[in-house]
Amino acid sequence: MAVPHPTSPDQATVGWREWVSLPGLEVDWIKAKLDTGARSSALHAFDVTEFERDGQPWVRFSIQPWQRSTEDSVDVELPVHDKRQVRSSTGHVQERYVVLMELTLLERTITAEVTLSSRDRMGFRMLIGREALRQGYLVDARRSYLGGRPKRAVRRRNRGI
């Protein structure tokens, strides 16, 4: 018999998949997989271009928050926080841009390091890794959407309907 692990009062229990928002990017809803096996978080990004602003490296990219849709693309410009060699779930190593991004999960907003990658073939446009989850979240792998869901029309749109 499994013994439940006590949570501290500042930890919120989340499911293995949740709806999150990216307030700094004005993205109200994006479905994310919470993955304690992944160190860093990742976001599906395309048309990624590095440029310089005030002598500092920045990156311009676009995101599509809906899983099965190319509608409602959001164009983003953020400072480059880092460039890292990241091993994908298939074992391939690639250099990725890392940006700092606010994300809201269970009504708590945190700042996370997010790598930009092509997740077009993945089931989720966003993956939240353990570095972000360490900021006060405990994942219950048996559950989903503990932070609630958007209205049905939004969920249908996410499915491309």
N, C-alpha and C. Protein backbone atom coordinates (compact mmCIF):
# COMPACT_ATOMS: atom_id res chain seq x y z
N MET A 1 0.84 -1.18 0.00
CA MET A 1 0.00 0.00 0.00
C MET A 1 0.89 1.24 0.00
N ALA A 2 0.56 2.19 -0.90
CA ALA A 2 1.33 3.42 -1.00
C ALA A 2 0.95 4.38 0.12
N VAL A 3 1.95 5.02 0.67
CA VAL A 3 1.72 6.00 1.73
C VAL A 3 1.71 7.38 1.08
N PRO A 4 0.64 8.16 1.29
CA PRO A 4 0.62 9.49 0.69
C PRO A 4 1.76 10.36 1.22
N HIS A 5 2.33 11.14 0.33
CA HIS A 5 3.41 12.04 0.70
C HIS A 5 2.80 13.35 1.17
N PRO A 6 3.18 13.79 2.37
CA PRO A 6 2.61 15.05 2.86
C PRO A 6 3.12 16.22 2.02
N THR A 7 2.25 17.14 1.72
CA THR A 7 2.65 18.32 0.97
C THR A 7 2.80 19.48 1.94
N SER A 8 3.68 20.38 1.60
CA SER A 8 3.83 21.57 2.43
C SER A 8 2.70 22.53 2.06
N PRO A 9 2.37 23.45 2.95
CA PRO A 9 1.25 24.35 2.68
C PRO A 9 1.46 25.24 1.46
N ASP A 10 2.71 25.46 1.06
CA ASP A 10 2.95 26.31 -0.10
C ASP A 10 3.01 25.52 -1.41
N GLN A 11 2.74 24.23 -1.38
CA GLN A 11 2.71 23.42 -2.60
C GLN A 11 1.27 23.23 -3.07
N ALA A 12 1.09 23.35 -4.37
CA ALA A 12 -0.22 23.11 -4.97
C ALA A 12 -0.15 21.80 -5.73
N THR A 13 -1.16 20.97 -5.59
CA THR A 13 -1.21 19.71 -6.32
C THR A 13 -1.81 19.96 -7.70
N VAL A 14 -1.11 19.49 -8.73
CA VAL A 14 -1.54 19.63 -10.11
C VAL A 14 -1.60 18.26 -10.75
N GLY A 15 -2.33 18.15 -11.85
CA GLY A 15 -2.41 16.90 -12.59
C GLY A 15 -1.30 16.80 -13.61
N TRP A 16 -1.25 15.67 -14.32
CA TRP A 16 -0.19 15.46 -15.31
C TRP A 16 -0.39 16.31 -16.55
N ARG A 17 -1.60 16.84 -16.73
CA ARG A 17 -1.85 17.81 -17.80
C ARG A 17 -2.76 18.88 -17.22
N GLU A 18 -2.49 20.12 -17.64
CA GLU A 18 -3.22 21.26 -17.11
C GLU A 18 -3.35 22.33 -18.18
N TRP A 19 -4.36 23.16 -18.03
CA TRP A 19 -4.50 24.37 -18.84
C TRP A 19 -3.74 25.47 -18.12
N VAL A 20 -2.85 26.16 -18.81
CA VAL A 20 -2.08 27.25 -18.22
C VAL A 20 -2.26 28.50 -19.08
N SER A 21 -1.86 29.62 -18.54
CA SER A 21 -1.86 30.85 -19.34
C SER A 21 -0.45 31.43 -19.34
N LEU A 22 -0.17 32.20 -20.37
CA LEU A 22 1.12 32.88 -20.51
C LEU A 22 0.82 34.38 -20.53
N PRO A 23 0.67 34.99 -19.34
CA PRO A 23 0.18 36.36 -19.27
C PRO A 23 1.05 37.39 -19.99
N GLY A 24 2.35 37.22 -19.98
CA GLY A 24 3.23 38.16 -20.67
C GLY A 24 3.11 38.11 -22.17
N LEU A 25 2.56 37.02 -22.69
CA LEU A 25 2.38 36.85 -24.14
C LEU A 25 0.92 37.04 -24.55
N GLU A 26 0.08 37.33 -23.57
CA GLU A 26 -1.35 37.50 -23.80
C GLU A 26 -2.00 36.23 -24.37
N VAL A 27 -1.53 35.08 -23.88
CA VAL A 27 -2.12 33.79 -24.23
C VAL A 27 -2.91 33.33 -23.01
N ASP A 28 -4.23 33.35 -23.15
CA ASP A 28 -5.09 33.02 -22.01
C ASP A 28 -5.12 31.53 -21.71
N TRP A 29 -5.03 30.68 -22.74
CA TRP A 29 -5.14 29.24 -22.54
C TRP A 29 -4.18 28.50 -23.46
N ILE A 30 -3.43 27.59 -22.89
CA ILE A 30 -2.63 26.64 -23.66
C ILE A 30 -2.55 25.37 -22.82
N LYS A 31 -2.79 24.25 -23.46
CA LYS A 31 -2.75 22.99 -22.74
C LYS A 31 -1.30 22.53 -22.62
N ALA A 32 -0.91 22.15 -21.40
CA ALA A 32 0.48 21.76 -21.14
C ALA A 32 0.54 20.40 -20.48
N LYS A 33 1.59 19.68 -20.81
CA LYS A 33 1.90 18.43 -20.13
C LYS A 33 2.91 18.75 -19.04
N LEU A 34 2.66 18.28 -17.83
CA LEU A 34 3.57 18.49 -16.71
C LEU A 34 4.43 17.24 -16.60
N ASP A 35 5.72 17.39 -16.81
CA ASP A 35 6.61 16.25 -16.97
C ASP A 35 7.78 16.33 -16.01
N THR A 36 7.71 15.56 -14.92
CA THR A 36 8.79 15.56 -13.94
C THR A 36 10.04 14.87 -14.47
N GLY A 37 9.93 14.17 -15.58
CA GLY A 37 11.10 13.54 -16.19
C GLY A 37 11.89 14.49 -17.06
N ALA A 38 11.32 15.63 -17.38
CA ALA A 38 12.01 16.64 -18.18
C ALA A 38 12.56 17.72 -17.26
N ARG A 39 13.80 18.09 -17.44
CA ARG A 39 14.39 19.11 -16.60
C ARG A 39 13.83 20.49 -16.91
N SER A 40 13.82 20.84 -18.18
CA SER A 40 13.38 22.19 -18.55
C SER A 40 12.00 22.16 -19.19
N SER A 41 11.41 23.32 -19.25
CA SER A 41 10.11 23.49 -19.91
C SER A 41 10.37 23.80 -21.38
N ALA A 42 9.39 23.52 -22.23
CA ALA A 42 9.54 23.76 -23.66
C ALA A 42 8.23 24.27 -24.23
N LEU A 43 8.34 25.10 -25.26
CA LEU A 43 7.18 25.67 -25.93
C LEU A 43 7.36 25.51 -27.42
N HIS A 44 6.30 25.11 -28.11
CA HIS A 44 6.34 25.00 -29.56
C HIS A 44 6.50 26.39 -30.15
N ALA A 45 7.59 26.61 -30.89
CA ALA A 45 7.85 27.90 -31.51
C ALA A 45 8.31 27.67 -32.95
N PHE A 46 7.96 28.62 -33.80
CA PHE A 46 8.40 28.53 -35.20
C PHE A 46 8.80 29.92 -35.67
N ASP A 47 9.43 29.99 -36.85
CA ASP A 47 9.98 31.24 -37.38
C ASP A 47 10.88 31.91 -36.35
N VAL A 48 11.75 31.13 -35.73
CA VAL A 48 12.64 31.63 -34.68
C VAL A 48 13.82 32.35 -35.32
N THR A 49 14.01 33.61 -34.91
CA THR A 49 15.09 34.43 -35.46
C THR A 49 15.76 35.21 -34.34
N GLU A 50 17.08 35.12 -34.27
CA GLU A 50 17.81 35.91 -33.28
C GLU A 50 18.12 37.28 -33.87
N PHE A 51 18.05 38.31 -33.03
CA PHE A 51 18.43 39.66 -33.44
C PHE A 51 19.01 40.38 -32.24
N GLU A 52 19.52 41.58 -32.47
CA GLU A 52 20.14 42.32 -31.39
C GLU A 52 19.31 43.56 -31.07
N ARG A 53 19.15 43.84 -29.78
CA ARG A 53 18.44 45.04 -29.33
C ARG A 53 19.27 45.63 -28.20
N ASP A 54 19.66 46.88 -28.37
CA ASP A 54 20.49 47.58 -27.37
C ASP A 54 21.73 46.77 -27.00
N GLY A 55 22.33 46.12 -28.01
CA GLY A 55 23.55 45.36 -27.80
C GLY A 55 23.37 44.00 -27.16
N GLN A 56 22.12 43.60 -26.92
CA GLN A 56 21.83 42.31 -26.27
C GLN A 56 21.12 41.37 -27.24
N PRO A 57 21.36 40.05 -27.13
CA PRO A 57 20.67 39.10 -28.01
C PRO A 57 19.20 38.94 -27.61
N TRP A 58 18.35 39.03 -28.59
CA TRP A 58 16.91 38.80 -28.44
C TRP A 58 16.51 37.74 -29.45
N VAL A 59 15.31 37.20 -29.26
CA VAL A 59 14.79 36.22 -30.21
C VAL A 59 13.34 36.59 -30.54
N ARG A 60 13.03 36.46 -31.81
CA ARG A 60 11.67 36.71 -32.32
C ARG A 60 11.13 35.35 -32.78
N PHE A 61 9.91 35.03 -32.39
CA PHE A 61 9.33 33.75 -32.78
C PHE A 61 7.81 33.86 -32.75
N SER A 62 7.17 32.85 -33.27
CA SER A 62 5.71 32.78 -33.24
C SER A 62 5.30 31.50 -32.54
N ILE A 63 4.14 31.57 -31.88
CA ILE A 63 3.58 30.39 -31.24
C ILE A 63 2.13 30.23 -31.68
N GLN A 64 1.67 29.01 -31.61
CA GLN A 64 0.27 28.68 -31.90
C GLN A 64 -0.26 27.94 -30.67
N PRO A 65 -1.11 28.61 -29.89
CA PRO A 65 -1.55 27.99 -28.63
C PRO A 65 -2.48 26.79 -28.79
N TRP A 66 -3.16 26.66 -29.93
CA TRP A 66 -4.12 25.56 -30.11
C TRP A 66 -3.41 24.34 -30.68
N GLN A 67 -3.67 23.18 -30.09
CA GLN A 67 -2.97 21.95 -30.44
C GLN A 67 -3.15 21.52 -31.90
N ARG A 68 -4.31 21.60 -32.41
CA ARG A 68 -4.55 21.09 -33.76
C ARG A 68 -4.95 22.19 -34.71
N SER A 69 -4.39 23.37 -34.50
CA SER A 69 -4.80 24.52 -35.30
C SER A 69 -3.62 25.46 -35.50
N THR A 70 -3.63 26.13 -36.63
CA THR A 70 -2.62 27.17 -36.89
C THR A 70 -3.23 28.56 -36.68
N GLU A 71 -4.46 28.61 -36.20
CA GLU A 71 -5.13 29.90 -35.97
C GLU A 71 -4.58 30.59 -34.74
N ASP A 72 -4.79 31.89 -34.71
CA ASP A 72 -4.45 32.71 -33.55
C ASP A 72 -2.97 32.66 -33.19
N SER A 73 -2.11 32.67 -34.19
CA SER A 73 -0.67 32.73 -33.91
C SER A 73 -0.34 34.00 -33.15
N VAL A 74 0.63 33.89 -32.27
CA VAL A 74 1.08 35.03 -31.47
C VAL A 74 2.55 35.26 -31.80
N ASP A 75 2.89 36.50 -32.19
CA ASP A 75 4.28 36.87 -32.46
C ASP A 75 4.89 37.42 -31.18
N VAL A 76 6.09 36.96 -30.87
CA VAL A 76 6.72 37.25 -29.58
C VAL A 76 8.16 37.72 -29.81
N GLU A 77 8.61 38.67 -28.99
CA GLU A 77 10.01 39.07 -28.94
C GLU A 77 10.43 39.08 -27.47
N LEU A 78 11.49 38.32 -27.16
CA LEU A 78 11.98 38.24 -25.78
C LEU A 78 13.51 38.23 -25.78
N PRO A 79 14.10 38.70 -24.69
CA PRO A 79 15.56 38.58 -24.58
C PRO A 79 15.98 37.12 -24.49
N VAL A 80 17.13 36.80 -25.08
CA VAL A 80 17.68 35.46 -24.96
C VAL A 80 18.28 35.34 -23.55
N HIS A 81 17.79 34.38 -22.80
CA HIS A 81 18.32 34.13 -21.45
C HIS A 81 19.56 33.23 -21.54
N ASP A 82 19.53 32.29 -22.49
CA ASP A 82 20.62 31.33 -22.62
C ASP A 82 20.43 30.56 -23.92
N LYS A 83 21.47 29.84 -24.33
CA LYS A 83 21.38 28.85 -25.39
C LYS A 83 21.92 27.58 -24.77
N ARG A 84 21.18 26.46 -24.95
CA ARG A 84 21.58 25.21 -24.31
C ARG A 84 21.48 24.03 -25.26
N GLN A 85 22.33 23.05 -24.99
CA GLN A 85 22.23 21.76 -25.65
C GLN A 85 21.17 20.98 -24.89
N VAL A 86 20.09 20.59 -25.56
CA VAL A 86 18.99 19.87 -24.92
C VAL A 86 18.81 18.54 -25.62
N ARG A 87 18.67 17.49 -24.83
CA ARG A 87 18.40 16.15 -25.38
C ARG A 87 16.90 15.95 -25.42
N SER A 88 16.37 15.70 -26.60
CA SER A 88 14.93 15.50 -26.77
C SER A 88 14.52 14.12 -26.25
N SER A 89 13.24 13.88 -26.20
CA SER A 89 12.73 12.58 -25.73
C SER A 89 13.16 11.45 -26.66
N THR A 90 13.54 11.78 -27.90
CA THR A 90 14.00 10.75 -28.83
C THR A 90 15.51 10.55 -28.76
N GLY A 91 16.19 11.32 -27.88
CA GLY A 91 17.62 11.15 -27.71
C GLY A 91 18.49 12.09 -28.54
N HIS A 92 17.89 12.89 -29.40
CA HIS A 92 18.66 13.82 -30.23
C HIS A 92 19.03 15.06 -29.42
N VAL A 93 20.26 15.52 -29.60
CA VAL A 93 20.73 16.73 -28.92
C VAL A 93 20.67 17.88 -29.91
N GLN A 94 20.09 18.98 -29.46
CA GLN A 94 20.04 20.17 -30.31
C GLN A 94 20.20 21.41 -29.44
N GLU A 95 20.77 22.46 -30.06
CA GLU A 95 20.90 23.72 -29.34
C GLU A 95 19.57 24.46 -29.43
N ARG A 96 19.11 24.95 -28.28
CA ARG A 96 17.85 25.68 -28.23
C ARG A 96 18.03 27.01 -27.52
N TYR A 97 17.23 27.96 -27.94
CA TYR A 97 17.15 29.23 -27.22
C TYR A 97 16.37 29.00 -25.94
N VAL A 98 16.78 29.70 -24.89
CA VAL A 98 16.07 29.67 -23.61
C VAL A 98 15.62 31.10 -23.32
N VAL A 99 14.34 31.26 -23.02
CA VAL A 99 13.79 32.56 -22.64
C VAL A 99 13.12 32.44 -21.27
N LEU A 100 13.02 33.56 -20.57
CA LEU A 100 12.28 33.59 -19.32
C LEU A 100 10.85 33.98 -19.65
N MET A 101 9.91 33.26 -19.07
CA MET A 101 8.51 33.46 -19.41
C MET A 101 7.66 33.27 -18.16
N GLU A 102 6.68 34.14 -17.99
CA GLU A 102 5.72 33.95 -16.91
C GLU A 102 4.68 32.95 -17.35
N LEU A 103 4.32 32.04 -16.45
CA LEU A 103 3.20 31.14 -16.72
C LEU A 103 2.35 31.05 -15.47
N THR A 104 1.05 30.97 -15.70
CA THR A 104 0.11 30.89 -14.59
C THR A 104 -0.50 29.51 -14.58
N LEU A 105 -0.36 28.85 -13.45
CA LEU A 105 -0.85 27.50 -13.23
C LEU A 105 -1.49 27.47 -11.86
N LEU A 106 -2.75 27.07 -11.80
CA LEU A 106 -3.52 27.06 -10.55
C LEU A 106 -3.50 28.42 -9.85
N GLU A 107 -3.75 29.45 -10.62
CA GLU A 107 -3.86 30.83 -10.13
C GLU A 107 -2.58 31.34 -9.48
N ARG A 108 -1.45 30.68 -9.74
CA ARG A 108 -0.15 31.12 -9.24
C ARG A 108 0.72 31.39 -10.46
N THR A 109 1.33 32.58 -10.51
CA THR A 109 2.20 32.93 -11.63
C THR A 109 3.65 32.78 -11.20
N ILE A 110 4.40 32.04 -12.01
CA ILE A 110 5.82 31.82 -11.77
C ILE A 110 6.60 32.24 -13.01
N THR A 111 7.89 32.43 -12.85
CA THR A 111 8.77 32.68 -13.98
C THR A 111 9.53 31.40 -14.25
N ALA A 112 9.49 30.96 -15.50
CA ALA A 112 10.13 29.70 -15.86
C ALA A 112 11.12 29.92 -17.01
N GLU A 113 12.18 29.12 -17.01
CA GLU A 113 13.07 29.04 -18.16
C GLU A 113 12.40 28.11 -19.16
N VAL A 114 12.19 28.60 -20.38
CA VAL A 114 11.47 27.84 -21.40
C VAL A 114 12.33 27.76 -22.65
N THR A 115 12.55 26.53 -23.12
CA THR A 115 13.28 26.36 -24.38
C THR A 115 12.29 26.45 -25.54
N LEU A 116 12.76 26.95 -26.65
CA LEU A 116 11.93 27.07 -27.85
C LEU A 116 12.27 25.91 -28.77
N SER A 117 11.26 25.15 -29.17
CA SER A 117 11.51 23.99 -30.01
C SER A 117 10.30 23.70 -30.87
N SER A 118 10.49 22.83 -31.83
CA SER A 118 9.37 22.39 -32.66
C SER A 118 8.68 21.24 -31.95
N ARG A 119 7.47 21.49 -31.50
CA ARG A 119 6.67 20.46 -30.83
C ARG A 119 5.43 20.16 -31.67
N ASP A 120 5.51 20.45 -32.94
CA ASP A 120 4.37 20.30 -33.83
C ASP A 120 3.81 18.89 -33.84
N ARG A 121 4.70 17.90 -33.73
CA ARG A 121 4.25 16.51 -33.77
C ARG A 121 3.94 15.95 -32.39
N MET A 122 4.14 16.76 -31.37
CA MET A 122 3.89 16.32 -30.01
C MET A 122 2.43 16.56 -29.66
N GLY A 123 1.96 15.85 -28.65
CA GLY A 123 0.57 15.98 -28.24
C GLY A 123 0.24 17.29 -27.55
N PHE A 124 1.25 17.96 -27.02
CA PHE A 124 1.04 19.21 -26.28
C PHE A 124 1.99 20.26 -26.82
N ARG A 125 1.48 21.47 -27.01
CA ARG A 125 2.32 22.57 -27.50
C ARG A 125 3.27 23.09 -26.42
N MET A 126 3.00 22.73 -25.16
CA MET A 126 3.87 23.17 -24.08
C MET A 126 4.14 22.02 -23.13
N LEU A 127 5.36 21.98 -22.64
CA LEU A 127 5.76 21.00 -21.64
C LEU A 127 6.34 21.78 -20.46
N ILE A 128 5.90 21.46 -19.27
CA ILE A 128 6.41 22.12 -18.07
C ILE A 128 7.26 21.10 -17.32
N GLY A 129 8.54 21.40 -17.21
CA GLY A 129 9.50 20.49 -16.59
C GLY A 129 9.69 20.74 -15.10
N ARG A 130 10.53 19.90 -14.50
CA ARG A 130 10.66 19.92 -13.05
C ARG A 130 11.29 21.19 -12.50
N GLU A 131 12.12 21.90 -13.27
CA GLU A 131 12.69 23.15 -12.77
C GLU A 131 11.57 24.16 -12.48
N ALA A 132 10.57 24.23 -13.32
CA ALA A 132 9.43 25.12 -13.08
C ALA A 132 8.53 24.56 -11.98
N LEU A 133 8.32 23.25 -12.01
CA LEU A 133 7.43 22.62 -11.02
C LEU A 133 7.99 22.72 -9.60
N ARG A 134 9.30 22.85 -9.50
CA ARG A 134 9.95 22.99 -8.20
C ARG A 134 9.51 24.25 -7.46
N GLN A 135 8.87 25.15 -8.17
CA GLN A 135 8.46 26.43 -7.57
C GLN A 135 7.11 26.32 -6.86
N GLY A 136 6.83 25.15 -6.30
CA GLY A 136 5.66 25.01 -5.45
C GLY A 136 4.56 24.11 -5.98
N TYR A 137 4.90 23.16 -6.86
CA TYR A 137 3.88 22.25 -7.39
C TYR A 137 4.25 20.80 -7.12
N LEU A 138 3.24 20.01 -6.84
CA LEU A 138 3.38 18.58 -6.66
C LEU A 138 2.47 17.92 -7.68
N VAL A 139 3.02 17.07 -8.55
CA VAL A 139 2.25 16.46 -9.63
C VAL A 139 1.63 15.15 -9.17
N ASP A 140 0.31 15.06 -9.33
CA ASP A 140 -0.42 13.81 -9.10
C ASP A 140 -0.69 13.20 -10.47
N ALA A 141 0.09 12.18 -10.82
CA ALA A 141 0.03 11.59 -12.16
C ALA A 141 -1.28 10.90 -12.46
N ARG A 142 -2.13 10.70 -11.46
CA ARG A 142 -3.43 10.06 -11.67
C ARG A 142 -4.50 11.05 -12.09
N ARG A 143 -4.20 12.34 -12.01
CA ARG A 143 -5.25 13.34 -12.19
C ARG A 143 -4.91 14.31 -13.31
N SER A 144 -5.93 15.02 -13.79
CA SER A 144 -5.78 16.02 -14.84
C SER A 144 -6.66 17.22 -14.54
N TYR A 145 -6.21 18.36 -15.00
CA TYR A 145 -6.99 19.60 -14.99
C TYR A 145 -7.48 20.00 -13.61
N LEU A 146 -6.62 19.90 -12.61
CA LEU A 146 -6.99 20.30 -11.25
C LEU A 146 -7.15 21.81 -11.15
N GLY A 147 -6.57 22.53 -12.08
CA GLY A 147 -6.70 23.99 -12.11
C GLY A 147 -7.92 24.46 -12.87
N GLY A 148 -8.76 23.53 -13.29
CA GLY A 148 -9.95 23.90 -14.04
C GLY A 148 -9.70 23.89 -15.54
N ARG A 149 -10.77 24.11 -16.26
CA ARG A 149 -10.71 24.10 -17.71
C ARG A 149 -11.36 25.37 -18.25
N PRO A 150 -10.95 25.76 -19.45
CA PRO A 150 -11.64 26.89 -20.07
C PRO A 150 -13.04 26.46 -20.52
N LYS A 151 -13.81 27.40 -20.96
CA LYS A 151 -15.16 27.10 -21.44
C LYS A 151 -15.10 26.11 -22.59
N ARG A 152 -16.19 25.42 -22.80
CA ARG A 152 -16.26 24.36 -23.82
C ARG A 152 -15.85 24.87 -25.21
N ALA A 153 -16.25 26.08 -25.55
CA ALA A 153 -15.91 26.63 -26.87
C ALA A 153 -14.39 26.71 -27.05
N VAL A 154 -13.67 27.06 -25.99
CA VAL A 154 -12.22 27.14 -26.05
C VAL A 154 -11.63 25.74 -26.20
N ARG A 155 -12.15 24.79 -25.45
CA ARG A 155 -11.64 23.41 -25.54
C ARG A 155 -11.88 22.84 -26.93
N ARG A 156 -13.04 23.14 -27.52
CA ARG A 156 -13.33 22.65 -28.87
C ARG A 156 -12.37 23.26 -29.88
N ARG A 157 -12.08 24.54 -29.69
CA ARG A 157 -11.16 25.24 -30.60
C ARG A 157 -9.78 24.60 -30.53
N ASN A 158 -9.35 24.21 -29.31
CA ASN A 158 -8.07 23.55 -29.13
C ASN A 158 -8.01 22.22 -29.89
N ARG A 159 -9.13 21.59 -30.03
CA ARG A 159 -9.18 20.31 -30.77
C ARG A 159 -9.37 20.53 -32.27
N GLY A 160 -9.40 21.80 -32.71
CA GLY A 160 -9.54 22.09 -34.12
C GLY A 160 -10.96 22.03 -34.62
N ILE A 161 -11.91 22.13 -33.70
CA ILE A 161 -13.33 22.05 -34.07
C ILE A 161 -13.92 23.44 -34.15
